[in-house]
Amino acid sequence: MSQVHDTPSCRLVGARRSARLLLSLAFAFASLPLCRLARAQGSPTPVLPPPASPARADAAPVAEVSPLALEGGAPSGALTAEIVGRRAAETSYVAKAAQESVRSAAARVDQAWVAFLPRLSTRFSYSRLSEFTPRTFGEGSLVGTPQPAGTPNPTPTQAVGLAFPIVPDNWTLEAQLVVPISDYFLRISQGYSAATKSHEAARHDLVAARSRSATEGKLAYYAWLRARGAAVVAKQSLEAVKTHLRDAKTQVAAGNASRADALRAETAVAGAELALERAANLAELTQKQVAIAMHAKEGEALAPGESGDAEVAPFVGSLAQLVAEAKASRYEIRSIDANAEAARKQAGALAGGAYPSLAGFGTANYSNPNPRRIPLTNEWFGTWALGVQLTWTPNDAYGALASSRDLEARVSGIEAQRGAIRDGIELEVTQAFQSVREADFAGDSSRRQLASAEEAYRTARELFTNGRATSTMLTDAETDLTRARLERLNARIDARVARVRLEHALGRDARGDDR
């Protein structure tokens, strides 16, 4: 059996190959998508099973364990992406704020509806008048006669004076009913339509907020699965380099390898231990993100209940069909359409203020004394009045037209925003659709890559233990195997993440939630 000599060139290449292992792990960990951490006090602390200690050199090999497999099946109460998404939508603070906006818009609808009712006002008052001696008018000029009225030059029998009595205590009970006849057509109906459209837009905003929160929860869940899988891959890599170290020491003792091979293997073990620690920390961090996303209770144990090994269903549909579906289904577009219509109705209501206002009114007055009864008497007496009035203020008319033009400009701005949103949705659907296709292609490619990498590693290790290969060749095989495992892990998670993003881009995750 020929022996392959270890040259300085081989040692340099081996060092570079060893570094590739750590770089591939670090790159994979750094590329994991992290959801934003919620800034809420008193957030629950999730429970993460502690990773195996790097110091346990006698741990059982895990090369045959899938990073996304559920050992023993899903435990009771385990979490899935759908469960996390639903709880995230139900407990989202953004969704709660949108819910309050819906309540506020509903109150404005009630306020606009009240304007249809005739305006009824009542007034009760009491006043005390100062007393004084009333003046007598025409004293001695008024005469009384028993002769019939119209008798020329009647014979006077008595001369009298005329005086009006003073009633110091004045009581008034009055009710007035005003019917805004012209405003029903020019302002009130337009204002009510604007309020209902604003309420509709607020409801659409609520659905969109719940949808976004659910999507963020699902993405946090898959980031958690990715991090847990990366920790398993890191553990598998650690076991592989530990095995390499034992084989290298055996080969050094047999004279088939140099001490530098054993030292490089020890360096690789130290690096793999650090990578495992970082992966475990990242898994704990992403679990915390899941707990915050769905606002888990303090001390609630979190365990995944969804295996990433299962194949995902193929996505059916062309890009043009999906873009058309998204533009017709997304609640962001519905919301901005409703807001534009509300602003348009408000502009019409303000423009109605430029025209004269016609109103009918009725007044009932029950007072003591009643000013319409002369002379005044200290008694309660009721009167009423009916009429119409036409009012117009030029200053108010000019201001109403200016305000209407302001709102019309806002309508144009909102419609421009709608165009920008539609363009953004089209780009979002295109990116998500391409991500699905890319992830599906990566799934098949990574499967074949992992199978060949596993066979290459098995062959390289067998050759190395028989003294027919260098430590560098085995290190290359270990590096390729770790990279293939990470590629397979990322392909499976990316396939699910891409579908979550595409479902959200199409608005399918919000259907049936418009309540």
Protein backbone atom coordinates (compact mmCIF):
# COMPACT_ATOMS: atom_id res chain seq x y z
CA MET A 1 0.00 0.00 0.00
CA SER A 2 1.47 3.30 -1.04
CA GLN A 3 1.60 6.14 1.43
CA VAL A 4 0.68 9.71 0.48
CA HIS A 5 3.24 12.12 1.88
CA ASP A 6 2.18 15.31 3.67
CA THR A 7 3.78 18.31 1.97
CA PRO A 8 3.69 22.00 3.04
CA SER A 9 1.39 22.66 0.09
CA CYS A 10 -1.03 20.02 1.32
CA ARG A 11 -0.93 21.45 4.83
CA LEU A 12 -1.80 24.93 3.48
CA VAL A 13 -4.67 23.57 1.45
CA GLY A 14 -5.86 21.59 4.48
CA ALA A 15 -5.91 24.68 6.63
CA ARG A 16 -7.96 26.49 4.02
CA ARG A 17 -10.37 23.60 3.74
CA SER A 18 -10.81 23.51 7.52
CA ALA A 19 -11.63 27.18 7.53
CA ARG A 20 -14.31 26.60 4.91
CA LEU A 21 -16.24 24.47 7.40
CA LEU A 22 -16.51 27.31 9.89
CA LEU A 23 -17.19 29.87 7.17
CA SER A 24 -20.05 27.81 5.73
CA LEU A 25 -21.65 27.44 9.16
CA ALA A 26 -21.17 31.11 9.97
CA PHE A 27 -22.62 32.14 6.62
CA ALA A 28 -25.63 29.91 7.10
CA PHE A 29 -26.27 31.26 10.57
CA ALA A 30 -25.83 34.86 9.49
CA SER A 31 -28.21 34.40 6.58
CA LEU A 32 -31.07 33.12 8.73
CA PRO A 33 -34.04 35.54 8.42
CA LEU A 34 -34.85 37.01 11.81
CA CYS A 35 -38.18 38.58 12.63
CA ARG A 36 -38.22 41.80 14.55
CA LEU A 37 -38.18 41.47 18.32
CA ALA A 38 -41.24 42.93 20.04
CA ARG A 39 -40.44 45.62 22.59
CA ALA A 40 -42.89 44.64 25.27
CA GLN A 41 -42.16 44.49 28.97
CA GLY A 42 -42.96 41.32 30.79
CA SER A 43 -42.54 39.14 27.70
CA PRO A 44 -42.69 35.43 28.37
CA THR A 45 -39.48 33.48 28.54
CA PRO A 46 -39.71 30.40 26.34
CA VAL A 47 -38.27 27.11 27.43
CA LEU A 48 -35.65 25.68 25.07
CA PRO A 49 -34.25 22.19 25.60
CA PRO A 50 -30.55 22.64 26.38
CA PRO A 51 -28.20 21.53 23.58
CA ALA A 52 -25.76 18.76 24.11
CA SER A 53 -22.59 19.95 25.77
CA PRO A 54 -19.61 20.17 23.41
CA ALA A 55 -17.48 18.56 26.11
CA ARG A 56 -19.24 15.22 25.69
CA ALA A 57 -16.87 13.53 23.26
CA ASP A 58 -18.65 10.21 23.70
CA ALA A 59 -22.02 11.44 22.43
CA ALA A 60 -23.81 9.20 20.00
CA PRO A 61 -23.28 9.99 16.33
CA VAL A 62 -26.11 11.96 14.75
CA ALA A 63 -25.13 11.76 11.10
CA GLU A 64 -28.27 9.81 10.30
CA VAL A 65 -30.65 12.26 12.06
CA SER A 66 -32.59 14.69 9.89
CA PRO A 67 -32.29 18.28 11.19
CA LEU A 68 -36.07 18.81 10.82
CA ALA A 69 -37.34 15.46 12.01
CA LEU A 70 -39.65 15.24 15.04
CA GLU A 71 -38.36 12.53 17.32
CA GLY A 72 -41.24 10.48 18.72
CA GLY A 73 -43.84 12.52 16.84
CA ALA A 74 -45.31 15.90 17.71
CA PRO A 75 -45.96 16.34 21.45
CA SER A 76 -49.36 17.38 22.74
CA GLY A 77 -49.89 21.12 22.40
CA ALA A 78 -47.00 21.44 19.95
CA LEU A 79 -46.88 24.46 17.70
CA THR A 80 -47.33 24.65 13.97
CA ALA A 81 -46.96 27.60 11.64
CA GLU A 82 -50.74 27.97 11.41
CA ILE A 83 -51.14 27.97 15.19
CA VAL A 84 -48.41 30.56 15.66
CA GLY A 85 -49.84 32.71 12.85
CA ARG A 86 -53.35 32.60 14.29
CA ARG A 87 -52.19 33.47 17.81
CA ALA A 88 -49.97 36.25 16.47
CA ALA A 89 -52.94 37.76 14.62
CA GLU A 90 -55.19 37.50 17.67
CA THR A 91 -52.71 39.11 20.07
CA SER A 92 -51.05 41.62 17.77
CA TYR A 93 -50.90 45.14 19.17
CA VAL A 94 -51.01 46.52 15.63
CA ALA A 95 -54.24 44.61 15.01
CA LYS A 96 -55.66 45.86 18.31
CA ALA A 97 -54.91 49.45 17.30
CA ALA A 98 -56.64 48.80 13.97
CA GLN A 99 -59.63 47.38 15.86
CA GLU A 100 -59.94 50.61 17.84
CA SER A 101 -59.82 52.55 14.57
CA VAL A 102 -62.79 50.49 13.39
CA ARG A 103 -64.70 51.39 16.55
CA SER A 104 -63.88 55.05 16.04
CA ALA A 105 -65.06 54.92 12.42
CA ALA A 106 -68.29 53.21 13.49
CA ALA A 107 -68.94 56.02 15.98
CA ARG A 108 -68.50 58.58 13.19
CA VAL A 109 -71.06 56.68 11.11
CA ASP A 110 -73.56 56.95 13.97
CA GLN A 111 -72.78 60.64 14.27
CA ALA A 112 -73.40 61.15 10.53
CA TRP A 113 -76.69 59.25 10.74
CA VAL A 114 -77.99 61.53 13.51
CA ALA A 115 -77.72 64.46 11.09
CA PHE A 116 -80.68 63.02 9.14
CA LEU A 117 -82.99 63.61 12.11
CA PRO A 118 -84.81 66.98 12.36
CA ARG A 119 -83.09 69.20 14.89
CA LEU A 120 -85.19 69.51 18.04
CA SER A 121 -84.26 72.06 20.69
CA THR A 122 -86.00 73.03 23.91
CA ARG A 123 -85.54 76.01 26.21
CA PHE A 124 -86.86 76.85 29.63
CA SER A 125 -86.07 80.20 31.25
CA TYR A 126 -87.08 82.43 34.10
CA SER A 127 -86.32 86.10 34.52
CA ARG A 128 -87.26 88.71 37.13
CA LEU A 129 -87.98 92.18 35.80
CA SER A 130 -87.47 95.34 37.78
CA GLU A 131 -90.62 97.07 38.97
CA PHE A 132 -91.55 100.67 38.22
CA THR A 133 -94.65 102.83 37.96
CA PRO A 134 -95.98 102.47 34.46
CA ARG A 135 -96.85 105.53 32.48
CA THR A 136 -100.53 106.21 31.72
CA PHE A 137 -101.19 107.05 28.10
CA GLY A 138 -104.00 109.50 27.01
CA GLU A 139 -105.46 110.16 30.44
CA GLY A 140 -108.97 111.81 30.03
CA SER A 141 -108.96 111.36 26.26
CA LEU A 142 -110.72 108.05 26.25
CA VAL A 143 -114.42 108.12 27.03
CA GLY A 144 -117.06 105.55 27.52
CA THR A 145 -120.61 105.79 26.16
CA PRO A 146 -123.59 103.44 26.15
CA GLN A 147 -124.45 104.40 22.58
CA PRO A 148 -123.80 101.92 19.78
CA ALA A 149 -120.48 101.99 18.03
CA GLY A 150 -120.39 104.35 15.06
CA THR A 151 -122.77 106.86 16.61
CA PRO A 152 -121.59 110.36 15.58
CA ASN A 153 -120.66 112.60 18.48
CA PRO A 154 -121.64 110.20 21.24
CA THR A 155 -122.52 111.54 24.61
CA PRO A 156 -119.55 110.85 26.94
CA THR A 157 -120.31 109.39 30.27
CA GLN A 158 -116.80 108.72 31.62
CA ALA A 159 -113.23 109.71 30.71
CA VAL A 160 -110.57 107.07 31.37
CA GLY A 161 -106.75 106.72 31.01
CA LEU A 162 -104.74 103.76 29.46
CA ALA A 163 -101.89 102.00 31.34
CA PHE A 164 -100.03 98.61 30.66
CA PRO A 165 -99.52 96.38 33.68
CA ILE A 166 -96.04 95.19 34.75
CA VAL A 167 -95.52 91.42 35.28
CA PRO A 168 -92.11 91.07 36.99
CA ASP A 169 -91.94 87.24 36.93
CA ASN A 170 -91.45 85.88 33.43
CA TRP A 171 -91.51 82.13 32.69
CA THR A 172 -90.87 80.66 29.26
CA LEU A 173 -91.02 77.08 27.96
CA GLU A 174 -90.18 76.83 24.26
CA ALA A 175 -89.59 73.99 21.79
CA GLN A 176 -88.30 74.35 18.23
CA LEU A 177 -88.05 71.81 15.42
CA VAL A 178 -85.84 72.57 12.37
CA VAL A 179 -85.85 70.42 9.23
CA PRO A 180 -82.75 71.04 7.03
CA ILE A 181 -84.47 70.46 3.71
CA SER A 182 -81.67 71.38 1.29
CA ASP A 183 -78.90 69.88 3.44
CA TYR A 184 -80.45 66.43 3.05
CA PHE A 185 -79.46 66.49 -0.61
CA LEU A 186 -76.37 68.70 -0.57
CA ARG A 187 -74.46 67.83 2.60
CA ILE A 188 -75.95 65.28 5.00
CA SER A 189 -76.24 62.35 2.58
CA GLN A 190 -72.72 63.01 1.29
CA GLY A 191 -71.33 63.14 4.81
CA TYR A 192 -73.02 59.88 5.75
CA SER A 193 -71.62 58.15 2.66
CA ALA A 194 -68.15 59.45 3.51
CA ALA A 195 -68.43 58.09 7.06
CA THR A 196 -69.54 54.65 5.86
CA LYS A 197 -66.66 54.48 3.38
CA SER A 198 -64.19 55.47 6.10
CA HIS A 199 -65.60 52.69 8.28
CA GLU A 200 -65.21 50.25 5.40
CA ALA A 201 -61.59 51.34 4.92
CA ALA A 202 -60.90 50.87 8.63
CA ARG A 203 -62.27 47.32 8.46
CA HIS A 204 -60.02 46.56 5.49
CA ASP A 205 -57.05 47.97 7.44
CA LEU A 206 -57.89 45.65 10.33
CA VAL A 207 -57.93 42.59 8.07
CA ALA A 208 -54.63 43.64 6.51
CA ALA A 209 -53.07 44.17 9.96
CA ARG A 210 -54.16 40.72 11.12
CA SER A 211 -52.84 39.21 7.91
CA ARG A 212 -49.44 40.86 8.32
CA SER A 213 -49.21 39.77 11.95
CA ALA A 214 -50.11 36.20 11.03
CA THR A 215 -47.49 36.16 8.28
CA GLU A 216 -44.82 37.53 10.60
CA GLY A 217 -45.73 34.85 13.15
CA LYS A 218 -45.37 32.10 10.54
CA LEU A 219 -42.04 33.46 9.37
CA ALA A 220 -40.82 33.60 12.96
CA TYR A 221 -41.86 29.97 13.40
CA TYR A 222 -39.92 28.85 10.32
CA ALA A 223 -36.92 30.90 11.41
CA TRP A 224 -37.10 28.95 14.67
CA LEU A 225 -37.22 25.62 12.81
CA ARG A 226 -34.29 26.74 10.65
CA ALA A 227 -32.22 27.66 13.69
CA ARG A 228 -33.03 24.39 15.44
CA GLY A 229 -32.08 22.48 12.30
CA ALA A 230 -28.85 24.44 12.02
CA ALA A 231 -28.05 23.44 15.61
CA VAL A 232 -28.55 19.79 14.66
CA VAL A 233 -26.28 20.24 11.63
CA ALA A 234 -23.67 21.89 13.85
CA LYS A 235 -23.87 18.95 16.24
CA GLN A 236 -23.48 16.51 13.35
CA SER A 237 -20.45 18.46 12.14
CA LEU A 238 -18.95 18.35 15.62
CA GLU A 239 -19.36 14.59 15.80
CA ALA A 240 -17.75 14.24 12.37
CA VAL A 241 -14.66 16.26 13.26
CA LYS A 242 -14.37 14.41 16.58
CA THR A 243 -14.35 11.17 14.66
CA HIS A 244 -11.78 12.68 12.33
CA LEU A 245 -9.62 13.59 15.33
CA ARG A 246 -9.76 10.04 16.69
CA ASP A 247 -8.88 8.62 13.27
CA ALA A 248 -6.04 11.12 12.87
CA LYS A 249 -4.54 10.14 16.22
CA THR A 250 -4.77 6.50 15.20
CA GLN A 251 -3.03 7.23 11.91
CA VAL A 252 -0.32 9.26 13.65
CA ALA A 253 0.32 6.35 16.01
CA ALA A 254 0.53 4.01 13.01
CA GLY A 255 2.94 6.37 11.22
CA ASN A 256 0.51 7.01 8.36
CA ALA A 257 -0.08 10.68 9.19
CA SER A 258 1.83 13.57 10.69
CA ARG A 259 1.19 15.29 14.02
CA ALA A 260 0.03 18.33 12.03
CA ASP A 261 -2.99 16.33 10.85
CA ALA A 262 -4.01 15.67 14.43
CA LEU A 263 -3.49 19.33 15.36
CA ARG A 264 -5.63 20.51 12.45
CA ALA A 265 -8.35 18.08 13.52
CA GLU A 266 -8.20 19.48 17.06
CA THR A 267 -8.55 23.00 15.62
CA ALA A 268 -11.58 21.85 13.65
CA VAL A 269 -13.13 20.37 16.82
CA ALA A 270 -12.72 23.67 18.67
CA GLY A 271 -14.27 25.58 15.78
CA ALA A 272 -17.18 23.14 15.55
CA GLU A 273 -17.82 23.48 19.29
CA LEU A 274 -18.02 27.26 18.90
CA ALA A 275 -20.34 26.90 15.90
CA LEU A 276 -22.61 24.61 17.94
CA GLU A 277 -22.77 27.12 20.78
CA ARG A 278 -23.67 29.91 18.39
CA ALA A 279 -26.31 27.76 16.73
CA ALA A 280 -27.84 26.90 20.11
CA ASN A 281 -27.95 30.59 21.04
CA LEU A 282 -29.59 31.43 17.73
CA ALA A 283 -32.20 28.70 18.30
CA GLU A 284 -32.97 30.19 21.70
CA LEU A 285 -33.24 33.68 20.24
CA THR A 286 -35.62 32.61 17.48
CA GLN A 287 -37.73 30.72 20.01
CA LYS A 288 -37.97 33.94 21.99
CA GLN A 289 -39.15 35.67 18.83
CA VAL A 290 -41.90 33.08 18.38
CA ALA A 291 -43.01 33.56 21.99
CA ILE A 292 -43.13 37.33 21.55
CA ALA A 293 -44.91 37.11 18.19
CA MET A 294 -47.82 35.17 19.69
CA HIS A 295 -47.45 36.70 23.19
CA ALA A 296 -47.09 33.37 24.94
CA LYS A 297 -47.81 33.23 28.64
CA GLU A 298 -45.02 33.29 31.19
CA GLY A 299 -43.52 29.84 31.55
CA GLU A 300 -45.36 28.36 28.56
CA ALA A 301 -43.29 25.55 27.06
CA LEU A 302 -42.82 25.81 23.32
CA ALA A 303 -42.23 22.76 21.16
CA PRO A 304 -42.40 22.44 17.37
CA GLY A 305 -45.18 20.26 16.05
CA GLU A 306 -44.43 20.53 12.35
CA SER A 307 -41.84 18.40 10.61
CA GLY A 308 -39.85 20.08 7.89
CA ASP A 309 -39.09 16.75 6.22
CA ALA A 310 -42.50 16.49 4.55
CA GLU A 311 -42.65 17.52 0.94
CA VAL A 312 -44.62 20.66 0.15
CA ALA A 313 -47.37 20.69 -2.42
CA PRO A 314 -46.49 22.25 -5.78
CA PHE A 315 -47.82 25.74 -6.37
CA VAL A 316 -50.22 25.95 -9.31
CA GLY A 317 -50.82 29.04 -11.41
CA SER A 318 -49.11 31.38 -13.83
CA LEU A 319 -47.56 34.66 -12.81
CA ALA A 320 -50.11 36.73 -14.73
CA GLN A 321 -53.01 34.94 -13.02
CA LEU A 322 -51.45 35.39 -9.61
CA VAL A 323 -50.83 39.11 -10.14
CA ALA A 324 -54.45 39.62 -11.23
CA GLU A 325 -55.65 37.67 -8.19
CA ALA A 326 -53.54 39.75 -5.82
CA LYS A 327 -54.77 43.06 -7.23
CA ALA A 328 -58.35 41.90 -6.81
CA SER A 329 -57.92 40.39 -3.34
CA ARG A 330 -55.46 42.46 -1.36
CA TYR A 331 -57.18 44.44 1.37
CA GLU A 332 -54.64 47.25 1.12
CA ILE A 333 -56.07 48.12 -2.30
CA ARG A 334 -59.63 47.84 -1.01
CA SER A 335 -58.78 50.14 1.87
CA ILE A 336 -57.26 52.84 -0.29
CA ASP A 337 -60.21 52.63 -2.72
CA ALA A 338 -62.62 53.15 0.19
CA ASN A 339 -60.54 56.04 1.53
CA ALA A 340 -60.54 57.71 -1.89
CA GLU A 341 -64.32 57.37 -2.13
CA ALA A 342 -64.73 58.76 1.40
CA ALA A 343 -62.62 61.80 0.54
CA ARG A 344 -64.62 62.28 -2.64
CA LYS A 345 -67.90 62.26 -0.69
CA GLN A 346 -66.47 64.68 1.88
CA ALA A 347 -65.51 67.04 -0.93
CA GLY A 348 -69.08 66.91 -2.22
CA ALA A 349 -70.47 67.65 1.23
CA LEU A 350 -68.23 70.68 1.61
CA ALA A 351 -69.14 71.93 -1.86
CA GLY A 352 -72.80 71.78 -0.83
CA GLY A 353 -72.08 74.45 1.76
CA ALA A 354 -71.63 77.01 -1.03
CA TYR A 355 -75.35 76.94 -1.88
CA PRO A 356 -78.17 78.68 0.06
CA SER A 357 -79.63 76.58 2.82
CA LEU A 358 -83.36 76.03 2.97
CA ALA A 359 -84.89 74.85 6.25
CA GLY A 360 -88.38 74.52 7.65
CA PHE A 361 -89.07 75.22 11.30
CA GLY A 362 -91.83 75.03 13.87
CA THR A 363 -91.88 76.73 17.28
CA ALA A 364 -94.17 76.16 20.28
CA ASN A 365 -94.10 78.72 23.10
CA TYR A 366 -95.77 78.35 26.47
CA SER A 367 -94.94 81.26 28.73
CA ASN A 368 -96.18 83.45 31.56
CA PRO A 369 -96.74 86.15 30.47
CA ASN A 370 -96.83 85.44 26.75
CA PRO A 371 -95.32 88.45 24.90
CA ARG A 372 -97.70 87.96 21.99
CA ARG A 373 -100.71 88.57 24.24
CA ILE A 374 -101.34 92.28 24.89
CA PRO A 375 -101.85 93.54 27.44
CA LEU A 376 -99.62 91.26 29.48
CA THR A 377 -101.36 89.15 32.05
CA ASN A 378 -99.91 87.04 34.82
CA GLU A 379 -101.04 83.73 33.40
CA TRP A 380 -99.65 80.88 31.28
CA PHE A 381 -100.55 81.05 27.63
CA GLY A 382 -99.35 79.01 24.63
CA THR A 383 -98.66 80.09 21.04
CA TRP A 384 -96.99 78.47 18.01
CA ALA A 385 -95.39 79.43 14.70
CA LEU A 386 -94.50 77.62 11.47
CA GLY A 387 -92.29 78.82 8.63
CA VAL A 388 -89.37 78.35 6.27
CA GLN A 389 -86.10 80.21 6.05
CA LEU A 390 -83.47 80.57 3.35
CA THR A 391 -79.97 81.55 4.47
CA TRP A 392 -76.79 82.15 2.53
CA THR A 393 -73.47 83.55 3.68
CA PRO A 394 -71.04 84.52 0.88
CA ASN A 395 -67.98 84.17 3.13
CA ASP A 396 -68.95 80.61 4.11
CA ALA A 397 -69.63 79.76 0.47
CA TYR A 398 -66.12 80.79 -0.60
CA GLY A 399 -64.55 78.85 2.26
CA ALA A 400 -66.61 75.74 1.44
CA LEU A 401 -65.44 75.78 -2.17
CA ALA A 402 -61.82 76.16 -1.11
CA SER A 403 -62.12 73.24 1.33
CA SER A 404 -63.76 71.16 -1.38
CA ARG A 405 -60.84 71.79 -3.74
CA ASP A 406 -58.46 70.75 -0.97
CA LEU A 407 -60.24 67.42 -0.56
CA GLU A 408 -60.35 66.87 -4.32
CA ALA A 409 -56.58 67.23 -4.36
CA ARG A 410 -56.39 64.66 -1.56
CA VAL A 411 -58.51 62.30 -3.65
CA SER A 412 -56.04 62.62 -6.52
CA GLY A 413 -53.17 61.92 -4.13
CA ILE A 414 -54.89 58.84 -2.72
CA GLU A 415 -55.54 57.51 -6.21
CA ALA A 416 -51.85 58.02 -7.03
CA GLN A 417 -50.96 56.05 -3.91
CA ARG A 418 -53.27 53.29 -5.08
CA GLY A 419 -51.25 53.05 -8.29
CA ALA A 420 -48.02 52.81 -6.29
CA ILE A 421 -49.49 50.11 -4.06
CA ARG A 422 -50.67 48.11 -7.06
CA ASP A 423 -47.18 48.31 -8.56
CA GLY A 424 -45.64 47.23 -5.25
CA ILE A 425 -48.04 44.30 -4.97
CA GLU A 426 -47.20 43.18 -8.49
CA LEU A 427 -43.49 43.24 -7.65
CA GLU A 428 -44.14 41.45 -4.35
CA VAL A 429 -46.08 38.67 -6.10
CA THR A 430 -43.37 38.32 -8.74
CA GLN A 431 -40.62 38.01 -6.15
CA ALA A 432 -42.61 35.54 -4.06
CA PHE A 433 -43.48 33.46 -7.13
CA GLN A 434 -39.85 33.32 -8.19
CA SER A 435 -38.83 32.38 -4.65
CA VAL A 436 -41.24 29.44 -4.72
CA ARG A 437 -39.84 28.21 -8.03
CA GLU A 438 -36.28 28.68 -6.83
CA ALA A 439 -36.97 26.89 -3.54
CA ASP A 440 -38.60 23.98 -5.35
CA PHE A 441 -35.61 23.68 -7.66
CA ALA A 442 -33.24 23.93 -4.70
CA GLY A 443 -35.15 21.12 -2.97
CA ASP A 444 -34.33 18.61 -5.70
CA SER A 445 -30.81 19.94 -6.18
CA SER A 446 -29.98 19.87 -2.46
CA ARG A 447 -31.32 16.32 -2.14
CA ARG A 448 -28.96 15.08 -4.84
CA GLN A 449 -26.14 17.18 -3.40
CA LEU A 450 -26.60 15.71 0.07
CA ALA A 451 -26.68 12.14 -1.22
CA SER A 452 -23.41 12.58 -3.11
CA ALA A 453 -21.78 14.44 -0.21
CA GLU A 454 -22.68 11.65 2.22
CA GLU A 455 -21.23 9.02 -0.09
CA ALA A 456 -18.10 11.12 -0.68
CA TYR A 457 -17.60 11.53 3.06
CA ARG A 458 -18.07 7.80 3.67
CA THR A 459 -15.52 6.99 0.96
CA ALA A 460 -13.00 9.60 2.12
CA ARG A 461 -13.19 8.42 5.73
CA GLU A 462 -12.74 4.81 4.68
CA LEU A 463 -9.70 5.73 2.61
CA PHE A 464 -8.26 7.85 5.41
CA THR A 465 -8.61 5.11 8.02
CA ASN A 466 -6.83 2.74 5.64
CA GLY A 467 -4.01 5.21 5.08
CA ARG A 468 -4.87 5.80 1.43
CA ALA A 469 -6.02 9.44 1.73
CA THR A 470 -4.77 12.57 3.44
CA SER A 471 -6.42 14.44 6.27
CA THR A 472 -7.04 17.28 3.82
CA MET A 473 -9.21 15.07 1.63
CA LEU A 474 -11.28 14.00 4.65
CA THR A 475 -11.62 17.63 5.77
CA ASP A 476 -12.85 18.59 2.32
CA ALA A 477 -15.44 15.82 2.48
CA GLU A 478 -16.57 16.96 5.94
CA THR A 479 -16.89 20.53 4.73
CA ASP A 480 -18.87 19.51 1.67
CA LEU A 481 -21.14 17.32 3.80
CA THR A 482 -21.87 20.13 6.26
CA ARG A 483 -22.57 22.53 3.41
CA ALA A 484 -24.87 20.00 1.74
CA ARG A 485 -26.76 19.48 5.01
CA LEU A 486 -27.23 23.23 5.39
CA GLU A 487 -28.33 23.55 1.78
CA ARG A 488 -30.87 20.77 2.29
CA LEU A 489 -32.09 22.40 5.51
CA ASN A 490 -32.39 25.82 3.91
CA ALA A 491 -34.13 24.42 0.82
CA ARG A 492 -36.84 22.77 2.91
CA ILE A 493 -37.40 25.84 5.07
CA ASP A 494 -37.21 28.21 2.10
CA ALA A 495 -39.92 26.22 0.31
CA ARG A 496 -42.28 26.84 3.22
CA VAL A 497 -41.25 30.45 3.74
CA ALA A 498 -41.70 31.22 0.04
CA ARG A 499 -45.22 29.78 0.11
CA VAL A 500 -46.12 31.80 3.19
CA ARG A 501 -44.92 34.97 1.50
CA LEU A 502 -46.76 34.14 -1.73
CA GLU A 503 -50.00 33.37 0.12
CA HIS A 504 -49.72 36.74 1.82
CA ALA A 505 -48.85 38.53 -1.42
CA LEU A 506 -51.98 37.05 -3.03
CA GLY A 507 -54.18 38.00 -0.07
CA ARG A 508 -55.28 34.41 0.44
CA ASP A 509 -54.31 34.43 4.12
CA ALA A 510 -56.84 37.22 4.78
CA ARG A 511 -59.90 35.63 3.18
CA GLY A 512 -62.76 34.98 5.54
CA ASP A 513 -61.35 37.39 8.14
CA ASP A 514 -63.38 40.43 7.10
CA ARG A 515 -65.51 40.70 10.20
